[in-house]
PDB file of N, CA and C in Angstrom:
ATOM      1  N   UNK A   1       0.836  -1.174   0.000  1.00  0.00           N
ATOM      2  CA  UNK A   1       0.000   0.000   0.000  1.00  0.00           C
ATOM      3  C   UNK A   1       0.890   1.250   0.000  1.00  0.00           C
ATOM      4  N   UNK A   2       0.516   2.191  -0.776  1.00  0.00           N
ATOM      5  CA  UNK A   2       1.224   3.464  -0.867  1.00  0.00           C
ATOM      6  C   UNK A   2       0.903   4.301   0.380  1.00  0.00           C
ATOM      7  N   UNK A   3       1.904   4.961   0.940  1.00  0.00           N
ATOM      8  CA  UNK A   3       1.648   5.740   2.161  1.00  0.00           C
ATOM      9  C   UNK A   3       0.684   6.884   1.911  1.00  0.00           C
ATOM     10  N   UNK A   4       0.602   7.369   0.683  1.00  0.00           N
ATOM     11  CA  UNK A   4      -0.286   8.483   0.364  1.00  0.00           C
ATOM     12  C   UNK A   4      -1.743   8.054   0.303  1.00  0.00           C
ATOM     13  N   UNK A   5      -1.991   6.749   0.260  1.00  0.00           N
ATOM     14  CA  UNK A   5      -3.357   6.228   0.207  1.00  0.00           C
ATOM     15  C   UNK A   5      -3.832   5.694   1.549  1.00  0.00           C
ATOM     16  N   UNK A   6      -3.033   5.839   2.596  1.00  0.00           N
ATOM     17  CA  UNK A   6      -3.364   5.272   3.901  1.00  0.00           C
ATOM     18  C   UNK A   6      -4.415   6.101   4.630  1.00  0.00           C
ATOM     19  N   UNK A   7      -5.234   5.386   5.380  1.00  0.00           N
ATOM     20  CA  UNK A   7      -6.151   6.066   6.292  1.00  0.00           C
ATOM     21  C   UNK A   7      -5.368   6.448   7.550  1.00  0.00           C
ATOM     22  N   UNK A   8      -5.980   7.232   8.405  1.00  0.00           N
ATOM     23  CA  UNK A   8      -5.329   7.662   9.636  1.00  0.00           C
ATOM     24  C   UNK A   8      -4.957   6.465  10.504  1.00  0.00           C
ATOM     25  N   UNK A   9      -5.848   5.514  10.624  1.00  0.00           N
ATOM     26  CA  UNK A   9      -5.608   4.311  11.443  1.00  0.00           C
ATOM     27  C   UNK A   9      -4.446   3.504  10.863  1.00  0.00           C
ATOM     28  N   UNK A  10      -4.449   3.312   9.541  1.00  0.00           N
ATOM     29  CA  UNK A  10      -3.363   2.568   8.895  1.00  0.00           C
ATOM     30  C   UNK A  10      -2.033   3.295   9.044  1.00  0.00           C
ATOM     31  N   UNK A  11      -2.062   4.616   8.920  1.00  0.00           N
ATOM     32  CA  UNK A  11      -0.837   5.403   9.040  1.00  0.00           C
ATOM     33  C   UNK A  11      -0.279   5.331  10.459  1.00  0.00           C
ATOM     34  N   UNK A  12      -1.150   5.343  11.466  1.00  0.00           N
ATOM     35  CA  UNK A  12      -0.685   5.212  12.849  1.00  0.00           C
ATOM     36  C   UNK A  12      -0.056   3.847  13.076  1.00  0.00           C
ATOM     37  N   UNK A  13      -0.655   2.802  12.519  1.00  0.00           N
ATOM     38  CA  UNK A  13      -0.106   1.451  12.661  1.00  0.00           C
ATOM     39  C   UNK A  13       1.256   1.358  11.961  1.00  0.00           C
ATOM     40  N   UNK A  14       1.375   1.974  10.796  1.00  0.00           N
ATOM     41  CA  UNK A  14       2.637   1.977  10.069  1.00  0.00           C
ATOM     42  C   UNK A  14       3.698   2.743  10.855  1.00  0.00           C
ATOM     43  N   UNK A  15       3.311   3.874  11.435  1.00  0.00           N
ATOM     44  CA  UNK A  15       4.241   4.660  12.260  1.00  0.00           C
ATOM     45  C   UNK A  15       4.716   3.837  13.457  1.00  0.00           C
ATOM     46  N   UNK A  16       3.819   3.087  14.055  1.00  0.00           N
ATOM     47  CA  UNK A  16       4.195   2.238  15.191  1.00  0.00           C
ATOM     48  C   UNK A  16       5.180   1.152  14.767  1.00  0.00           C
ATOM     49  N   UNK A  17       4.973   0.569  13.585  1.00  0.00           N
ATOM     50  CA  UNK A  17       5.918  -0.443  13.081  1.00  0.00           C
ATOM     51  C   UNK A  17       7.290   0.177  12.833  1.00  0.00           C
ATOM     52  N   UNK A  18       7.298   1.384  12.262  1.00  0.00           N
ATOM     53  CA  UNK A  18       8.576   2.061  12.039  1.00  0.00           C
ATOM     54  C   UNK A  18       9.259   2.378  13.370  1.00  0.00           C
ATOM     55  N   UNK A  19       8.496   2.794  14.362  1.00  0.00           N
ATOM     56  CA  UNK A  19       9.058   3.092  15.689  1.00  0.00           C
ATOM     57  C   UNK A  19       9.645   1.842  16.328  1.00  0.00           C
ATOM     58  N   UNK A  20       8.943   0.715  16.171  1.00  0.00           N
ATOM     59  CA  UNK A  20       9.459  -0.548  16.712  1.00  0.00           C
ATOM     60  C   UNK A  20      10.766  -0.938  16.031  1.00  0.00           C
ATOM     61  N   UNK A  21      10.863  -0.697  14.733  1.00  0.00           N
ATOM     62  CA  UNK A  21      12.093  -1.002  14.003  1.00  0.00           C
ATOM     63  C   UNK A  21      13.240  -0.115  14.491  1.00  0.00           C
ATOM     64  N   UNK A  22      12.964   1.154  14.750  1.00  0.00           N
ATOM     65  CA  UNK A  22      13.991   2.056  15.286  1.00  0.00           C
ATOM     66  C   UNK A  22      14.433   1.565  16.666  1.00  0.00           C
ATOM     67  N   UNK A  23      13.491   1.169  17.500  1.00  0.00           N
ATOM     68  CA  UNK A  23      13.831   0.663  18.834  1.00  0.00           C
ATOM     69  C   UNK A  23      14.661  -0.609  18.755  1.00  0.00           C
ATOM     70  N   UNK A  24      14.275  -1.505  17.853  1.00  0.00           N
ATOM     71  CA  UNK A  24      14.994  -2.769  17.711  1.00  0.00           C
ATOM     72  C   UNK A  24      16.423  -2.528  17.231  1.00  0.00           C
ATOM     73  N   UNK A  25      16.573  -1.741  16.170  1.00  0.00           N
ATOM     74  CA  UNK A  25      17.910  -1.504  15.625  1.00  0.00           C
ATOM     75  C   UNK A  25      18.748  -0.639  16.572  1.00  0.00           C
ATOM     76  N   UNK A  26      18.100   0.270  17.278  1.00  0.00           N
ATOM     77  CA  UNK A  26      18.823   1.073  18.267  1.00  0.00           C
ATOM     78  C   UNK A  26      19.322   0.226  19.416  1.00  0.00           C
ATOM     79  N   UNK A  27      18.540  -0.778  19.787  1.00  0.00           N
ATOM     80  CA  UNK A  27      18.969  -1.694  20.843  1.00  0.00           C
ATOM     81  C   UNK A  27      20.194  -2.491  20.449  1.00  0.00           C
ATOM     82  N   UNK A  28      20.255  -2.872  19.188  1.00  0.00           N
ATOM     83  CA  UNK A  28      21.425  -3.613  18.700  1.00  0.00           C
ATOM     84  C   UNK A  28      22.662  -2.727  18.777  1.00  0.00           C
ATOM     85  N   UNK A  29      22.529  -1.472  18.347  1.00  0.00           N
ATOM     86  CA  UNK A  29      23.670  -0.549  18.398  1.00  0.00           C
ATOM     87  C   UNK A  29      24.059  -0.275  19.850  1.00  0.00           C
ATOM     88  N   UNK A  30      23.093  -0.119  20.714  1.00  0.00           N
ATOM     89  CA  UNK A  30      23.367   0.174  22.127  1.00  0.00           C
ATOM     90  C   UNK A  30      24.008  -0.998  22.862  1.00  0.00           C
ATOM     91  N   UNK A  31      23.869  -2.198  22.315  1.00  0.00           N
ATOM     92  CA  UNK A  31      24.432  -3.383  22.970  1.00  0.00           C
ATOM     93  C   UNK A  31      25.957  -3.450  22.862  1.00  0.00           C
ATOM     94  N   UNK A  32      26.536  -2.698  21.958  1.00  0.00           N
ATOM     95  CA  UNK A  32      27.995  -2.702  21.839  1.00  0.00           C
ATOM     96  C   UNK A  32      28.593  -2.043  23.073  1.00  0.00           C
ATOM     97  N   UNK A  33      29.691  -2.596  23.569  1.00  0.00           N
ATOM     98  CA  UNK A  33      30.286  -2.054  24.799  1.00  0.00           C
ATOM     99  C   UNK A  33      30.791  -0.626  24.613  1.00  0.00           C
ATOM    100  N   UNK A  34      30.572   0.157  25.626  1.00  0.00           N
ATOM    101  CA  UNK A  34      31.016   1.554  25.622  1.00  0.00           C
ATOM    102  C   UNK A  34      32.191   1.656  26.581  1.00  0.00           C
ATOM    103  N   UNK A  35      33.377   1.534  26.015  1.00  0.00           N
ATOM    104  CA  UNK A  35      34.588   1.481  26.834  1.00  0.00           C
ATOM    105  C   UNK A  35      35.466   2.705  26.678  1.00  0.00           C
ATOM    106  N   UNK A  36      35.068   3.620  25.838  1.00  0.00           N
ATOM    107  CA  UNK A  36      35.880   4.813  25.635  1.00  0.00           C
ATOM    108  C   UNK A  36      35.927   5.669  26.890  1.00  0.00           C
ATOM    109  N   UNK A  37      36.807   6.651  26.917  1.00  0.00           N
ATOM    110  CA  UNK A  37      36.986   7.484  28.113  1.00  0.00           C
ATOM    111  C   UNK A  37      35.732   8.282  28.498  1.00  0.00           C
ATOM    112  N   UNK A  38      34.880   8.566  27.537  1.00  0.00           N
ATOM    113  CA  UNK A  38      33.674   9.334  27.843  1.00  0.00           C
ATOM    114  C   UNK A  38      32.419   8.466  27.716  1.00  0.00           C
ATOM    115  N   UNK A  39      32.595   7.162  27.784  1.00  0.00           N
ATOM    116  CA  UNK A  39      31.462   6.259  27.677  1.00  0.00           C
ATOM    117  C   UNK A  39      30.994   6.050  26.245  1.00  0.00           C
ATOM    118  N   UNK A  40      31.873   6.307  25.301  1.00  0.00           N
ATOM    119  CA  UNK A  40      31.542   6.127  23.895  1.00  0.00           C
ATOM    120  C   UNK A  40      32.052   4.783  23.403  1.00  0.00           C
ATOM    121  N   UNK A  41      31.532   4.349  22.264  1.00  0.00           N
ATOM    122  CA  UNK A  41      32.007   3.115  21.643  1.00  0.00           C
ATOM    123  C   UNK A  41      33.429   3.368  21.152  1.00  0.00           C
ATOM    124  N   UNK A  42      34.320   2.438  21.428  1.00  0.00           N
ATOM    125  CA  UNK A  42      35.730   2.619  21.063  1.00  0.00           C
ATOM    126  C   UNK A  42      35.906   2.612  19.546  1.00  0.00           C
ATOM    127  N   UNK A  43      37.015   3.168  19.103  1.00  0.00           N
ATOM    128  CA  UNK A  43      37.309   3.233  17.673  1.00  0.00           C
ATOM    129  C   UNK A  43      37.453   1.849  17.059  1.00  0.00           C
ATOM    130  N   UNK A  44      37.990   0.897  17.819  1.00  0.00           N
ATOM    131  CA  UNK A  44      38.153  -0.465  17.303  1.00  0.00           C
ATOM    132  C   UNK A  44      36.800  -1.092  16.991  1.00  0.00           C
ATOM    133  N   UNK A  45      35.841  -0.882  17.884  1.00  0.00           N
ATOM    134  CA  UNK A  45      34.500  -1.438  17.669  1.00  0.00           C
ATOM    135  C   UNK A  45      33.819  -0.704  16.521  1.00  0.00           C
ATOM    136  N   UNK A  46      33.965   0.613  16.477  1.00  0.00           N
ATOM    137  CA  UNK A  46      33.326   1.398  15.417  1.00  0.00           C
ATOM    138  C   UNK A  46      33.877   1.049  14.046  1.00  0.00           C
ATOM    139  N   UNK A  47      35.070   0.506  13.988  1.00  0.00           N
ATOM    140  CA  UNK A  47      35.669   0.114  12.710  1.00  0.00           C
ATOM    141  C   UNK A  47      35.219  -1.283  12.273  1.00  0.00           C
ATOM    142  N   UNK A  48      34.566  -2.026  13.153  1.00  0.00           N
ATOM    143  CA  UNK A  48      34.171  -3.398  12.811  1.00  0.00           C
ATOM    144  C   UNK A  48      32.989  -3.407  11.845  1.00  0.00           C
ATOM    145  N   UNK A  49      32.951  -4.446  11.035  1.00  0.00           N
ATOM    146  CA  UNK A  49      31.870  -4.599  10.052  1.00  0.00           C
ATOM    147  C   UNK A  49      30.527  -4.799  10.750  1.00  0.00           C
ATOM    148  N   UNK A  50      30.545  -5.529  11.854  1.00  0.00           N
ATOM    149  CA  UNK A  50      29.301  -5.799  12.587  1.00  0.00           C
ATOM    150  C   UNK A  50      28.683  -4.500  13.114  1.00  0.00           C
ATOM    151  N   UNK A  51      29.501  -3.645  13.698  1.00  0.00           N
ATOM    152  CA  UNK A  51      28.996  -2.368  14.217  1.00  0.00           C
ATOM    153  C   UNK A  51      28.501  -1.485  13.075  1.00  0.00           C
ATOM    154  N   UNK A  52      29.276  -1.412  12.006  1.00  0.00           N
ATOM    155  CA  UNK A  52      28.877  -0.572  10.873  1.00  0.00           C
ATOM    156  C   UNK A  52      27.572  -1.040  10.249  1.00  0.00           C
ATOM    157  N   UNK A  53      27.367  -2.341  10.174  1.00  0.00           N
ATOM    158  CA  UNK A  53      26.117  -2.887   9.648  1.00  0.00           C
ATOM    159  C   UNK A  53      24.957  -2.511  10.560  1.00  0.00           C
ATOM    160  N   UNK A  54      25.137  -2.682  11.862  1.00  0.00           N
ATOM    161  CA  UNK A  54      24.080  -2.355  12.824  1.00  0.00           C
ATOM    162  C   UNK A  54      23.776  -0.852  12.809  1.00  0.00           C
ATOM    163  N   UNK A  55      24.799  -0.041  12.764  1.00  0.00           N
ATOM    164  CA  UNK A  55      24.623   1.405  12.747  1.00  0.00           C
ATOM    165  C   UNK A  55      23.922   1.850  11.466  1.00  0.00           C
ATOM    166  N   UNK A  56      24.286   1.239  10.350  1.00  0.00           N
ATOM    167  CA  UNK A  56      23.653   1.557   9.073  1.00  0.00           C
ATOM    168  C   UNK A  56      22.171   1.192   9.089  1.00  0.00           C
ATOM    169  N   UNK A  57      21.844   0.026   9.632  1.00  0.00           N
ATOM    170  CA  UNK A  57      20.434  -0.388   9.737  1.00  0.00           C
ATOM    171  C   UNK A  57      19.653   0.577  10.620  1.00  0.00           C
ATOM    172  N   UNK A  58      20.264   1.011  11.722  1.00  0.00           N
ATOM    173  CA  UNK A  58      19.606   1.991  12.590  1.00  0.00           C
ATOM    174  C   UNK A  58      19.394   3.307  11.849  1.00  0.00           C
ATOM    175  N   UNK A  59      20.412   3.782  11.150  1.00  0.00           N
ATOM    176  CA  UNK A  59      20.295   5.056  10.427  1.00  0.00           C
ATOM    177  C   UNK A  59      19.185   5.012   9.380  1.00  0.00           C
ATOM    178  N   UNK A  60      19.066   3.891   8.675  1.00  0.00           N
ATOM    179  CA  UNK A  60      18.014   3.741   7.672  1.00  0.00           C
ATOM    180  C   UNK A  60      16.640   3.721   8.348  1.00  0.00           C
ATOM    181  N   UNK A  61      16.511   2.967   9.433  1.00  0.00           N
ATOM    182  CA  UNK A  61      15.234   2.889  10.140  1.00  0.00           C
ATOM    183  C   UNK A  61      14.836   4.256  10.690  1.00  0.00           C
ATOM    184  N   UNK A  62      15.793   4.977  11.254  1.00  0.00           N
ATOM    185  CA  UNK A  62      15.506   6.296  11.808  1.00  0.00           C
ATOM    186  C   UNK A  62      15.116   7.282  10.706  1.00  0.00           C
ATOM    187  N   UNK A  63      15.807   7.235   9.580  1.00  0.00           N
ATOM    188  CA  UNK A  63      15.471   8.126   8.457  1.00  0.00           C
ATOM    189  C   UNK A  63      14.080   7.814   7.925  1.00  0.00           C
ATOM    190  N   UNK A  64      13.731   6.534   7.846  1.00  0.00           N
ATOM    191  CA  UNK A  64      12.390   6.157   7.395  1.00  0.00           C
ATOM    192  C   UNK A  64      11.323   6.710   8.336  1.00  0.00           C
ATOM    193  N   UNK A  65      11.548   6.593   9.636  1.00  0.00           N
ATOM    194  CA  UNK A  65      10.592   7.117  10.607  1.00  0.00           C
ATOM    195  C   UNK A  65      10.513   8.639  10.525  1.00  0.00           C
ATOM    196  N   UNK A  66      11.644   9.296  10.433  1.00  0.00           N
ATOM    197  CA  UNK A  66      11.677  10.759  10.359  1.00  0.00           C
ATOM    198  C   UNK A  66      10.927  11.252   9.123  1.00  0.00           C
ATOM    199  N   UNK A  67      11.168  10.635   7.977  1.00  0.00           N
ATOM    200  CA  UNK A  67      10.499  11.038   6.742  1.00  0.00           C
ATOM    201  C   UNK A  67       9.002  10.766   6.805  1.00  0.00           C
ATOM    202  N   UNK A  68       8.623   9.624   7.359  1.00  0.00           N
ATOM    203  CA  UNK A  68       7.199   9.317   7.464  1.00  0.00           C
ATOM    204  C   UNK A  68       6.510  10.279   8.427  1.00  0.00           C
ATOM    205  N   UNK A  69       7.148  10.585   9.551  1.00  0.00           N
ATOM    206  CA  UNK A  69       6.542  11.511  10.510  1.00  0.00           C
ATOM    207  C   UNK A  69       6.327  12.890   9.902  1.00  0.00           C
ATOM    208  N   UNK A  70       7.246  13.344   9.053  1.00  0.00           N
ATOM    209  CA  UNK A  70       7.075  14.641   8.393  1.00  0.00           C
ATOM    210  C   UNK A  70       5.819  14.631   7.533  1.00  0.00           C
ATOM    211  N   UNK A  71       5.621  13.563   6.780  1.00  0.00           N
ATOM    212  CA  UNK A  71       4.421  13.419   5.952  1.00  0.00           C
ATOM    213  C   UNK A  71       3.178  13.248   6.826  1.00  0.00           C
ATOM    214  N   UNK A  72       3.275  12.365   7.806  1.00  0.00           N
ATOM    215  CA  UNK A  72       2.142  12.006   8.664  1.00  0.00           C
ATOM    216  C   UNK A  72       1.576  13.217   9.396  1.00  0.00           C
ATOM    217  N   UNK A  73       2.440  14.034   9.975  1.00  0.00           N
ATOM    218  CA  UNK A  73       1.955  15.176  10.756  1.00  0.00           C
ATOM    219  C   UNK A  73       1.334  16.246   9.871  1.00  0.00           C
ATOM    220  N   UNK A  74       1.757  16.329   8.632  1.00  0.00           N
ATOM    221  CA  UNK A  74       1.139  17.299   7.715  1.00  0.00           C
ATOM    222  C   UNK A  74      -0.199  16.793   7.196  1.00  0.00           C
ATOM    223  N   UNK A  75      -0.235  15.539   6.759  1.00  0.00           N
ATOM    224  CA  UNK A  75      -1.464  15.012   6.162  1.00  0.00           C
ATOM    225  C   UNK A  75      -2.577  14.845   7.194  1.00  0.00           C
ATOM    226  N   UNK A  76      -2.237  14.424   8.395  1.00  0.00           N
ATOM    227  CA  UNK A  76      -3.253  14.120   9.403  1.00  0.00           C
ATOM    228  C   UNK A  76      -3.248  15.137  10.541  1.00  0.00           C
ATOM    229  N   UNK A  77      -2.978  16.373  10.212  1.00  0.00           N
ATOM    230  CA  UNK A  77      -2.883  17.434  11.217  1.00  0.00           C
ATOM    231  C   UNK A  77      -4.171  17.544  12.052  1.00  0.00           C
ATOM    232  N   UNK A  78      -5.300  17.574  11.396  1.00  0.00           N
ATOM    233  CA  UNK A  78      -6.571  17.724  12.122  1.00  0.00           C
ATOM    234  C   UNK A  78      -6.887  16.502  12.971  1.00  0.00           C
ATOM    235  N   UNK A  79      -6.659  15.314  12.425  1.00  0.00           N
ATOM    236  CA  UNK A  79      -6.930  14.094  13.180  1.00  0.00           C
ATOM    237  C   UNK A  79      -6.032  14.002  14.410  1.00  0.00           C
ATOM    238  N   UNK A  80      -4.769  14.369  14.260  1.00  0.00           N
ATOM    239  CA  UNK A  80      -3.855  14.329  15.402  1.00  0.00           C
ATOM    240  C   UNK A  80      -4.262  15.333  16.462  1.00  0.00           C
ATOM    241  N   UNK A  81      -4.664  16.524  16.048  1.00  0.00           N
ATOM    242  CA  UNK A  81      -5.097  17.532  17.009  1.00  0.00           C
ATOM    243  C   UNK A  81      -6.343  17.068  17.756  1.00  0.00           C
ATOM    244  N   UNK A  82      -7.296  16.512  17.025  1.00  0.00           N
ATOM    245  CA  UNK A  82      -8.519  16.015  17.673  1.00  0.00           C
ATOM    246  C   UNK A  82      -8.229  14.860  18.616  1.00  0.00           C
ATOM    247  N   UNK A  83      -7.309  14.001  18.229  1.00  0.00           N
ATOM    248  CA  UNK A  83      -6.934  12.875  19.083  1.00  0.00           C
ATOM    249  C   UNK A  83      -6.284  13.370  20.372  1.00  0.00           C
ATOM    250  N   UNK A  84      -5.426  14.369  20.273  1.00  0.00           N
ATOM    251  CA  UNK A  84      -4.775  14.921  21.462  1.00  0.00           C
ATOM    252  C   UNK A  84      -5.789  15.604  22.377  1.00  0.00           C
ATOM    253  N   UNK A  85      -6.754  16.245  21.790  1.00  0.00           N
ATOM    254  CA  UNK A  85      -7.785  16.905  22.611  1.00  0.00           C
ATOM    255  C   UNK A  85      -8.691  15.887  23.279  1.00  0.00           C
ATOM    256  N   UNK A  86      -8.930  14.778  22.609  1.00  0.00           N
ATOM    257  CA  UNK A  86      -9.792  13.724  23.164  1.00  0.00           C
ATOM    258  C   UNK A  86      -9.091  12.984  24.281  1.00  0.00           C
ATOM    259  N   UNK A  87      -7.787  12.743  24.130  1.00  0.00           N
ATOM    260  CA  UNK A  87      -7.004  11.996  25.119  1.00  0.00           C
ATOM    261  C   UNK A  87      -5.841  12.843  25.626  1.00  0.00           C
ATOM    262  N   UNK A  88      -6.120  13.853  26.443  1.00  0.00           N
ATOM    263  CA  UNK A  88      -5.026  14.726  26.900  1.00  0.00           C
ATOM    264  C   UNK A  88      -4.067  13.967  27.825  1.00  0.00           C
ATOM    265  N   UNK A  89      -2.820  14.363  27.764  1.00  0.00           N
ATOM    266  CA  UNK A  89      -1.793  13.774  28.622  1.00  0.00           C
ATOM    267  C   UNK A  89      -1.798  14.535  29.944  1.00  0.00           C
ATOM    268  N   UNK A  90      -1.908  13.798  31.026  1.00  0.00           N
ATOM    269  CA  UNK A  90      -1.951  14.423  32.344  1.00  0.00           C
ATOM    270  C   UNK A  90      -0.556  14.482  32.938  1.00  0.00           C
ATOM    271  N   UNK A  91      -0.194  15.621  33.459  1.00  0.00           N
ATOM    272  CA  UNK A  91       1.106  15.782  34.105  1.00  0.00           C
ATOM    273  C   UNK A  91       1.082  15.107  35.462  1.00  0.00           C
ATOM    274  N   UNK A  92       2.202  14.508  35.811  1.00  0.00           N
ATOM    275  CA  UNK A  92       2.272  13.805  37.094  1.00  0.00           C
ATOM    276  C   UNK A  92       2.838  14.685  38.167  1.00  0.00           C
TER     277      UNK A  92
END
């Protein structure tokens, strides 16, 4: 299905799938040990093929979510506003 033909419900479900993919791929990248002096991934690990593959998958997933959110918030502006008004977030 083309994203431009999606209903609001379908678009929200697609956004959730993209978010899950970002979380999954981000978890893989975060699993690499952070042994650098400032808690960063060391240069040796960053040079490995495994890390580069995981980082690339995360970057693609994040870009897909970012691009979809830009479209989603413009196309469904009224529906999102009405949804937020119907289900307000309460401060704790």
